[in-house]
Amino acid sequence: MQNNTQTQAQTQANNTSTQKEQNKSLEQREQELEQRLNKTTQKIMGAITALKAQDTLSTKISEIEKQINRHKGEIEKLHNKKEALAEKLEGYANNI
């Protein structure tokens, strides 16, 4: 009976040891998962920041393109006025 009690005690000790190892393993896995989650979160935050910057740049580029188009229109009007004045001057010169 003492032998049986020793066997039970040894089995219990082994089970406790195995359970401790499993708990350590679970804790390690939990830490690894938390580290992976943190890295992934950082990557996502970096991507979000990049997207915001890209959106800001796109908006500014759009504004600049509008200004360029506005200036192109003004330049075209001035060019047309210049041509009209050149024609008038030619007409005056021909009448002299």
C-alpha atoms as a PDB file:
ATOM      1  CA  MET A   1       0.000   0.000   0.000  1.00  0.00           C
ATOM      2  CA  GLN A   2       2.901   2.291   0.729  1.00  0.00           C
ATOM      3  CA  ASN A   3       4.181   1.564  -2.758  1.00  0.00           C
ATOM      4  CA  ASN A   4       0.796   2.542  -4.188  1.00  0.00           C
ATOM      5  CA  THR A   5       0.810   5.767  -2.155  1.00  0.00           C
ATOM      6  CA  GLN A   6       4.300   6.582  -3.398  1.00  0.00           C
ATOM      7  CA  THR A   7       3.223   5.941  -6.966  1.00  0.00           C
ATOM      8  CA  GLN A   8       0.211   8.221  -6.527  1.00  0.00           C
ATOM      9  CA  ALA A   9       2.385  10.915  -4.959  1.00  0.00           C
ATOM     10  CA  GLN A  10       4.907  10.601  -7.792  1.00  0.00           C
ATOM     11  CA  THR A  11       2.103  10.765 -10.386  1.00  0.00           C
ATOM     12  CA  GLN A  12       0.665  13.836  -8.679  1.00  0.00           C
ATOM     13  CA  ALA A  13       4.102  15.469  -8.589  1.00  0.00           C
ATOM     14  CA  ASN A  14       4.593  14.682 -12.280  1.00  0.00           C
ATOM     15  CA  ASN A  15       1.162  16.070 -13.099  1.00  0.00           C
ATOM     16  CA  THR A  16       1.907  19.236 -11.127  1.00  0.00           C
ATOM     17  CA  SER A  17       5.262  19.601 -12.878  1.00  0.00           C
ATOM     18  CA  THR A  18       3.630  19.043 -16.278  1.00  0.00           C
ATOM     19  CA  GLN A  19       0.919  21.550 -15.438  1.00  0.00           C
ATOM     20  CA  LYS A  20       3.533  24.138 -14.399  1.00  0.00           C
ATOM     21  CA  GLU A  21       5.380  23.594 -17.676  1.00  0.00           C
ATOM     22  CA  GLN A  22       2.140  23.964 -19.616  1.00  0.00           C
ATOM     23  CA  ASN A  23       1.330  27.167 -17.717  1.00  0.00           C
ATOM     24  CA  LYS A  24       4.803  28.539 -18.510  1.00  0.00           C
ATOM     25  CA  SER A  25       4.347  27.535 -22.114  1.00  0.00           C
ATOM     26  CA  LEU A  26       0.961  29.265 -22.212  1.00  0.00           C
ATOM     27  CA  GLU A  27       2.438  32.387 -20.606  1.00  0.00           C
ATOM     28  CA  GLN A  28       5.236  32.417 -23.172  1.00  0.00           C
ATOM     29  CA  ARG A  29       2.765  31.968 -25.994  1.00  0.00           C
ATOM     30  CA  GLU A  30       0.615  34.763 -24.589  1.00  0.00           C
ATOM     31  CA  GLN A  31       3.658  37.059 -24.430  1.00  0.00           C
ATOM     32  CA  GLU A  32       4.630  36.151 -27.989  1.00  0.00           C
ATOM     33  CA  LEU A  33       1.103  36.830 -29.200  1.00  0.00           C
ATOM     34  CA  GLU A  34       1.059  40.155 -27.380  1.00  0.00           C
ATOM     35  CA  GLN A  35       4.377  41.114 -28.986  1.00  0.00           C
ATOM     36  CA  ARG A  36       3.043  40.154 -32.411  1.00  0.00           C
ATOM     37  CA  LEU A  37      -0.115  42.148 -31.744  1.00  0.00           C
ATOM     38  CA  ASN A  38       1.959  45.188 -30.742  1.00  0.00           C
ATOM     39  CA  LYS A  39       4.114  44.914 -33.867  1.00  0.00           C
ATOM     40  CA  THR A  40       1.055  44.527 -36.061  1.00  0.00           C
ATOM     41  CA  THR A  41      -0.627  47.485 -34.365  1.00  0.00           C
ATOM     42  CA  GLN A  42       2.485  49.599 -34.977  1.00  0.00           C
ATOM     43  CA  LYS A  43       2.515  48.592 -38.645  1.00  0.00           C
ATOM     44  CA  ILE A  44      -1.166  49.461 -38.992  1.00  0.00           C
ATOM     45  CA  MET A  45      -0.661  52.823 -37.280  1.00  0.00           C
ATOM     46  CA  GLY A  46       2.275  53.510 -39.609  1.00  0.00           C
ATOM     47  CA  ALA A  47       0.126  52.642 -42.613  1.00  0.00           C
ATOM     48  CA  ILE A  48      -2.676  54.904 -41.372  1.00  0.00           C
ATOM     49  CA  THR A  49      -0.203  57.755 -40.902  1.00  0.00           C
ATOM     50  CA  ALA A  50       1.152  57.185 -44.412  1.00  0.00           C
ATOM     51  CA  LEU A  51      -2.376  57.174 -45.843  1.00  0.00           C
ATOM     52  CA  LYS A  52      -3.203  60.426 -44.055  1.00  0.00           C
ATOM     53  CA  ALA A  53      -0.019  62.001 -45.411  1.00  0.00           C
ATOM     54  CA  GLN A  54      -0.835  60.725 -48.891  1.00  0.00           C
ATOM     55  CA  ASP A  55      -4.349  62.160 -48.627  1.00  0.00           C
ATOM     56  CA  THR A  56      -2.952  65.511 -47.515  1.00  0.00           C
ATOM     57  CA  LEU A  57      -0.520  65.520 -50.440  1.00  0.00           C
ATOM     58  CA  SER A  58      -3.288  64.576 -52.871  1.00  0.00           C
ATOM     59  CA  THR A  59      -5.407  67.453 -51.592  1.00  0.00           C
ATOM     60  CA  LYS A  60      -2.524  69.912 -51.943  1.00  0.00           C
ATOM     61  CA  ILE A  61      -1.699  68.629 -55.435  1.00  0.00           C
ATOM     62  CA  SER A  62      -5.348  69.080 -56.401  1.00  0.00           C
ATOM     63  CA  GLU A  63      -5.312  72.667 -55.140  1.00  0.00           C
ATOM     64  CA  ILE A  64      -2.088  73.394 -57.060  1.00  0.00           C
ATOM     65  CA  GLU A  65      -3.552  71.862 -60.235  1.00  0.00           C
ATOM     66  CA  LYS A  66      -6.606  74.133 -59.890  1.00  0.00           C
ATOM     67  CA  GLN A  67      -4.327  77.159 -59.520  1.00  0.00           C
ATOM     68  CA  ILE A  68      -2.299  76.078 -62.568  1.00  0.00           C
ATOM     69  CA  ASN A  69      -5.475  75.691 -64.621  1.00  0.00           C
ATOM     70  CA  ARG A  70      -6.667  79.105 -63.471  1.00  0.00           C
ATOM     71  CA  HIS A  71      -3.336  80.652 -64.460  1.00  0.00           C
ATOM     72  CA  LYS A  72      -3.402  78.843 -67.809  1.00  0.00           C
ATOM     73  CA  GLY A  73      -6.768  80.452 -68.498  1.00  0.00           C
ATOM     74  CA  GLU A  74      -5.418  83.873 -67.552  1.00  0.00           C
ATOM     75  CA  ILE A  75      -2.324  83.361 -69.720  1.00  0.00           C
ATOM     76  CA  GLU A  76      -4.500  82.318 -72.655  1.00  0.00           C
ATOM     77  CA  LYS A  77      -6.624  85.476 -72.260  1.00  0.00           C
ATOM     78  CA  LEU A  78      -3.500  87.643 -72.132  1.00  0.00           C
ATOM     79  CA  HIS A  79      -2.092  85.874 -75.183  1.00  0.00           C
ATOM     80  CA  ASN A  80      -5.327  86.518 -77.088  1.00  0.00           C
ATOM     81  CA  LYS A  81      -5.217  90.219 -76.065  1.00  0.00           C
ATOM     82  CA  LYS A  82      -1.591  90.402 -77.213  1.00  0.00           C
ATOM     83  CA  GLU A  83      -2.515  88.946 -80.606  1.00  0.00           C
ATOM     84  CA  ALA A  84      -5.427  91.367 -80.938  1.00  0.00           C
ATOM     85  CA  LEU A  85      -3.161  94.314 -80.083  1.00  0.00           C
ATOM     86  CA  ALA A  86      -0.528  93.088 -82.544  1.00  0.00           C
ATOM     87  CA  GLU A  87      -3.179  92.949 -85.279  1.00  0.00           C
ATOM     88  CA  LYS A  88      -4.361  96.471 -84.425  1.00  0.00           C
ATOM     89  CA  LEU A  89      -0.788  97.740 -84.511  1.00  0.00           C
ATOM     90  CA  GLU A  90      -0.256  96.099 -87.895  1.00  0.00           C
ATOM     91  CA  GLY A  91      -3.441  97.765 -89.114  1.00  0.00           C
ATOM     92  CA  TYR A  92      -2.254 101.173 -87.871  1.00  0.00           C
ATOM     93  CA  ALA A  93       1.159 100.607 -89.402  1.00  0.00           C
ATOM     94  CA  ASN A  94      -0.368  99.717 -92.753  1.00  0.00           C
ATOM     95  CA  ASN A  95      -2.444 102.938 -92.665  1.00  0.00           C
ATOM     96  CA  ILE A  96       0.539 105.141 -92.055  1.00  0.00           C
END
